[in-house]
Amino acid sequence: MVTDTEFGLLRMRVKELEGQVEFLFKHFGVMYVPEPGPEDDPRIIEQVKQGNLIEAIKIYRELTDAGLAEAKSTVERIKNGLGL
């Protein structure tokens, strides 16, 4: 179990590392663009928009081999992110 002190030290270290990464990005003139994940698949997004959550879950599971609970949670998060 992580103590509050250890957690605080980890948070400070992460903040320091984030600052270093930001500095390097600026120094080298690059920008971080995350790779699209399965949750960005247009088929899933279209099914969510149409209200076909079961089909969206099915597609997500086919792409990721995720379990039902994880796929359902991800599809719900996509739905909420779309404001539906």
N, C-alpha and C. Protein backbone atom coordinates (compact mmCIF):
# COMPACT_ATOMS: atom_id res chain seq x y z
N MET A 1 0.85 -1.18 0.00
CA MET A 1 0.00 0.00 0.00
C MET A 1 0.90 1.25 0.00
N VAL A 2 0.53 2.21 -0.79
CA VAL A 2 1.29 3.44 -0.89
C VAL A 2 0.81 4.41 0.18
N THR A 3 1.74 4.96 0.92
CA THR A 3 1.38 5.92 1.96
C THR A 3 1.10 7.28 1.33
N ASP A 4 0.48 8.17 2.09
CA ASP A 4 0.20 9.52 1.60
C ASP A 4 1.49 10.24 1.25
N THR A 5 2.53 10.03 2.03
CA THR A 5 3.81 10.67 1.76
C THR A 5 4.40 10.16 0.45
N GLU A 6 4.37 8.85 0.26
CA GLU A 6 4.89 8.27 -0.97
C GLU A 6 4.08 8.75 -2.18
N PHE A 7 2.77 8.83 -2.01
CA PHE A 7 1.91 9.29 -3.10
C PHE A 7 2.24 10.75 -3.43
N GLY A 8 2.45 11.56 -2.43
CA GLY A 8 2.82 12.96 -2.65
C GLY A 8 4.13 13.08 -3.40
N LEU A 9 5.11 12.26 -3.03
CA LEU A 9 6.40 12.27 -3.71
C LEU A 9 6.25 11.82 -5.17
N LEU A 10 5.42 10.82 -5.40
CA LEU A 10 5.18 10.37 -6.77
C LEU A 10 4.51 11.46 -7.61
N ARG A 11 3.57 12.16 -7.02
CA ARG A 11 2.89 13.25 -7.74
C ARG A 11 3.89 14.34 -8.11
N MET A 12 4.79 14.68 -7.17
CA MET A 12 5.80 15.70 -7.45
C MET A 12 6.73 15.23 -8.57
N ARG A 13 7.10 13.96 -8.54
CA ARG A 13 8.00 13.42 -9.57
C ARG A 13 7.32 13.44 -10.94
N VAL A 14 6.05 13.07 -10.99
CA VAL A 14 5.32 13.09 -12.25
C VAL A 14 5.23 14.51 -12.79
N LYS A 15 4.96 15.48 -11.91
CA LYS A 15 4.88 16.88 -12.32
C LYS A 15 6.22 17.33 -12.89
N GLU A 16 7.31 16.93 -12.24
CA GLU A 16 8.65 17.28 -12.72
C GLU A 16 8.92 16.67 -14.10
N LEU A 17 8.55 15.41 -14.26
CA LEU A 17 8.75 14.74 -15.55
C LEU A 17 7.89 15.37 -16.64
N GLU A 18 6.67 15.75 -16.32
CA GLU A 18 5.81 16.42 -17.30
C GLU A 18 6.45 17.73 -17.75
N GLY A 19 7.03 18.46 -16.81
CA GLY A 19 7.71 19.70 -17.16
C GLY A 19 8.89 19.47 -18.07
N GLN A 20 9.65 18.41 -17.82
CA GLN A 20 10.79 18.09 -18.66
C GLN A 20 10.36 17.72 -20.07
N VAL A 21 9.29 16.93 -20.16
CA VAL A 21 8.79 16.54 -21.48
C VAL A 21 8.29 17.76 -22.24
N GLU A 22 7.57 18.64 -21.55
CA GLU A 22 7.09 19.87 -22.19
C GLU A 22 8.25 20.71 -22.70
N PHE A 23 9.30 20.83 -21.89
CA PHE A 23 10.48 21.58 -22.30
C PHE A 23 11.10 20.97 -23.56
N LEU A 24 11.23 19.65 -23.59
CA LEU A 24 11.82 18.99 -24.75
C LEU A 24 10.98 19.19 -26.00
N PHE A 25 9.66 19.10 -25.86
CA PHE A 25 8.78 19.32 -27.01
C PHE A 25 8.99 20.73 -27.56
N LYS A 26 9.02 21.71 -26.68
CA LYS A 26 9.21 23.09 -27.12
C LYS A 26 10.60 23.28 -27.73
N HIS A 27 11.61 22.71 -27.09
CA HIS A 27 12.99 22.85 -27.55
C HIS A 27 13.17 22.28 -28.96
N PHE A 28 12.57 21.14 -29.22
CA PHE A 28 12.72 20.49 -30.53
C PHE A 28 11.60 20.86 -31.50
N GLY A 29 10.66 21.68 -31.06
CA GLY A 29 9.60 22.14 -31.93
C GLY A 29 8.67 21.04 -32.40
N VAL A 30 8.39 20.10 -31.52
CA VAL A 30 7.48 19.01 -31.87
C VAL A 30 6.23 19.07 -31.00
N MET A 31 5.20 18.42 -31.49
CA MET A 31 3.95 18.38 -30.74
C MET A 31 3.53 16.92 -30.60
N TYR A 32 3.04 16.57 -29.45
CA TYR A 32 2.57 15.22 -29.20
C TYR A 32 1.16 15.07 -29.74
N VAL A 33 0.97 14.08 -30.60
CA VAL A 33 -0.35 13.75 -31.11
C VAL A 33 -0.56 12.27 -30.83
N PRO A 34 -1.48 11.97 -29.91
CA PRO A 34 -1.67 10.56 -29.55
C PRO A 34 -2.19 9.73 -30.72
N GLU A 35 -1.77 8.50 -30.75
CA GLU A 35 -2.26 7.57 -31.76
C GLU A 35 -3.74 7.31 -31.52
N PRO A 36 -4.54 7.25 -32.56
CA PRO A 36 -5.95 6.94 -32.35
C PRO A 36 -6.10 5.53 -31.79
N GLY A 37 -6.99 5.37 -30.87
CA GLY A 37 -7.25 4.07 -30.28
C GLY A 37 -8.52 3.47 -30.82
N PRO A 38 -8.85 2.28 -30.38
CA PRO A 38 -10.06 1.62 -30.87
C PRO A 38 -11.32 2.44 -30.58
N GLU A 39 -11.28 3.24 -29.52
CA GLU A 39 -12.45 4.05 -29.17
C GLU A 39 -12.67 5.18 -30.18
N ASP A 40 -11.70 5.40 -31.06
CA ASP A 40 -11.83 6.42 -32.11
C ASP A 40 -12.32 5.82 -33.42
N ASP A 41 -12.56 4.52 -33.45
CA ASP A 41 -13.00 3.85 -34.68
C ASP A 41 -14.33 4.45 -35.13
N PRO A 42 -14.42 4.90 -36.37
CA PRO A 42 -15.65 5.55 -36.84
C PRO A 42 -16.87 4.63 -36.80
N ARG A 43 -16.66 3.32 -36.91
CA ARG A 43 -17.80 2.40 -36.83
C ARG A 43 -18.41 2.42 -35.44
N ILE A 44 -17.57 2.48 -34.42
CA ILE A 44 -18.07 2.53 -33.04
C ILE A 44 -18.81 3.84 -32.81
N ILE A 45 -18.20 4.93 -33.22
CA ILE A 45 -18.82 6.24 -33.02
C ILE A 45 -20.16 6.32 -33.73
N GLU A 46 -20.23 5.80 -34.94
CA GLU A 46 -21.50 5.83 -35.69
C GLU A 46 -22.57 5.00 -34.99
N GLN A 47 -22.19 3.84 -34.49
CA GLN A 47 -23.17 3.00 -33.78
C GLN A 47 -23.67 3.69 -32.50
N VAL A 48 -22.77 4.35 -31.80
CA VAL A 48 -23.16 5.07 -30.59
C VAL A 48 -24.13 6.20 -30.95
N LYS A 49 -23.81 6.95 -32.00
CA LYS A 49 -24.68 8.05 -32.42
C LYS A 49 -26.07 7.55 -32.80
N GLN A 50 -26.14 6.35 -33.37
CA GLN A 50 -27.42 5.78 -33.77
C GLN A 50 -28.15 5.10 -32.61
N GLY A 51 -27.49 5.06 -31.45
CA GLY A 51 -28.09 4.44 -30.28
C GLY A 51 -27.93 2.94 -30.23
N ASN A 52 -27.09 2.38 -31.10
CA ASN A 52 -26.84 0.94 -31.15
C ASN A 52 -25.66 0.59 -30.25
N LEU A 53 -25.85 0.72 -28.94
CA LEU A 53 -24.73 0.52 -28.02
C LEU A 53 -24.25 -0.92 -28.02
N ILE A 54 -25.15 -1.87 -28.18
CA ILE A 54 -24.74 -3.27 -28.19
C ILE A 54 -23.82 -3.55 -29.37
N GLU A 55 -24.16 -3.01 -30.53
CA GLU A 55 -23.30 -3.19 -31.71
C GLU A 55 -21.96 -2.49 -31.49
N ALA A 56 -21.97 -1.31 -30.88
CA ALA A 56 -20.72 -0.59 -30.60
C ALA A 56 -19.84 -1.41 -29.65
N ILE A 57 -20.47 -2.00 -28.64
CA ILE A 57 -19.73 -2.85 -27.69
C ILE A 57 -19.14 -4.05 -28.43
N LYS A 58 -19.92 -4.65 -29.30
CA LYS A 58 -19.46 -5.81 -30.07
C LYS A 58 -18.24 -5.45 -30.92
N ILE A 59 -18.30 -4.33 -31.61
CA ILE A 59 -17.17 -3.90 -32.44
C ILE A 59 -15.94 -3.64 -31.58
N TYR A 60 -16.14 -2.94 -30.46
CA TYR A 60 -15.01 -2.66 -29.56
C TYR A 60 -14.36 -3.95 -29.09
N ARG A 61 -15.18 -4.92 -28.72
CA ARG A 61 -14.63 -6.19 -28.23
C ARG A 61 -13.87 -6.92 -29.33
N GLU A 62 -14.36 -6.85 -30.56
CA GLU A 62 -13.67 -7.49 -31.68
C GLU A 62 -12.31 -6.85 -31.92
N LEU A 63 -12.24 -5.53 -31.77
CA LEU A 63 -10.99 -4.81 -32.01
C LEU A 63 -9.96 -5.02 -30.91
N THR A 64 -10.45 -5.20 -29.67
CA THR A 64 -9.53 -5.17 -28.53
C THR A 64 -9.44 -6.46 -27.73
N ASP A 65 -10.33 -7.39 -27.96
CA ASP A 65 -10.43 -8.59 -27.12
C ASP A 65 -10.76 -8.25 -25.67
N ALA A 66 -11.37 -7.09 -25.45
CA ALA A 66 -11.74 -6.66 -24.10
C ALA A 66 -12.92 -7.48 -23.61
N GLY A 67 -13.05 -7.54 -22.31
CA GLY A 67 -14.20 -8.19 -21.70
C GLY A 67 -15.44 -7.32 -21.85
N LEU A 68 -16.57 -7.89 -21.53
CA LEU A 68 -17.84 -7.19 -21.68
C LEU A 68 -17.89 -5.93 -20.82
N ALA A 69 -17.47 -6.03 -19.56
CA ALA A 69 -17.54 -4.88 -18.66
C ALA A 69 -16.67 -3.72 -19.15
N GLU A 70 -15.46 -4.04 -19.58
CA GLU A 70 -14.55 -2.99 -20.07
C GLU A 70 -15.12 -2.34 -21.34
N ALA A 71 -15.63 -3.17 -22.25
CA ALA A 71 -16.18 -2.65 -23.50
C ALA A 71 -17.40 -1.78 -23.23
N LYS A 72 -18.27 -2.23 -22.34
CA LYS A 72 -19.46 -1.45 -22.00
C LYS A 72 -19.07 -0.11 -21.39
N SER A 73 -18.12 -0.13 -20.49
CA SER A 73 -17.65 1.09 -19.84
C SER A 73 -17.07 2.06 -20.87
N THR A 74 -16.28 1.54 -21.79
CA THR A 74 -15.67 2.39 -22.82
C THR A 74 -16.72 2.99 -23.73
N VAL A 75 -17.69 2.19 -24.15
CA VAL A 75 -18.75 2.69 -25.02
C VAL A 75 -19.59 3.75 -24.30
N GLU A 76 -19.85 3.55 -23.03
CA GLU A 76 -20.58 4.56 -22.24
C GLU A 76 -19.77 5.86 -22.17
N ARG A 77 -18.46 5.74 -22.00
CA ARG A 77 -17.60 6.92 -21.96
C ARG A 77 -17.61 7.64 -23.30
N ILE A 78 -17.61 6.88 -24.40
CA ILE A 78 -17.69 7.48 -25.73
C ILE A 78 -19.03 8.21 -25.87
N LYS A 79 -20.09 7.56 -25.45
CA LYS A 79 -21.42 8.16 -25.52
C LYS A 79 -21.48 9.47 -24.74
N ASN A 80 -20.95 9.45 -23.54
CA ASN A 80 -20.94 10.67 -22.72
C ASN A 80 -20.07 11.75 -23.35
N GLY A 81 -18.95 11.35 -23.94
CA GLY A 81 -18.06 12.30 -24.59
C GLY A 81 -18.69 12.97 -25.80
N LEU A 82 -19.62 12.26 -26.42
CA LEU A 82 -20.34 12.83 -27.57
C LEU A 82 -21.54 13.66 -27.13
N GLY A 83 -21.78 13.67 -25.82
CA GLY A 83 -22.90 14.45 -25.29
C GLY A 83 -24.26 13.82 -25.56
N LEU A 84 -24.27 12.51 -25.68
CA LEU A 84 -25.52 11.80 -25.95
C LEU A 84 -26.11 11.19 -24.70
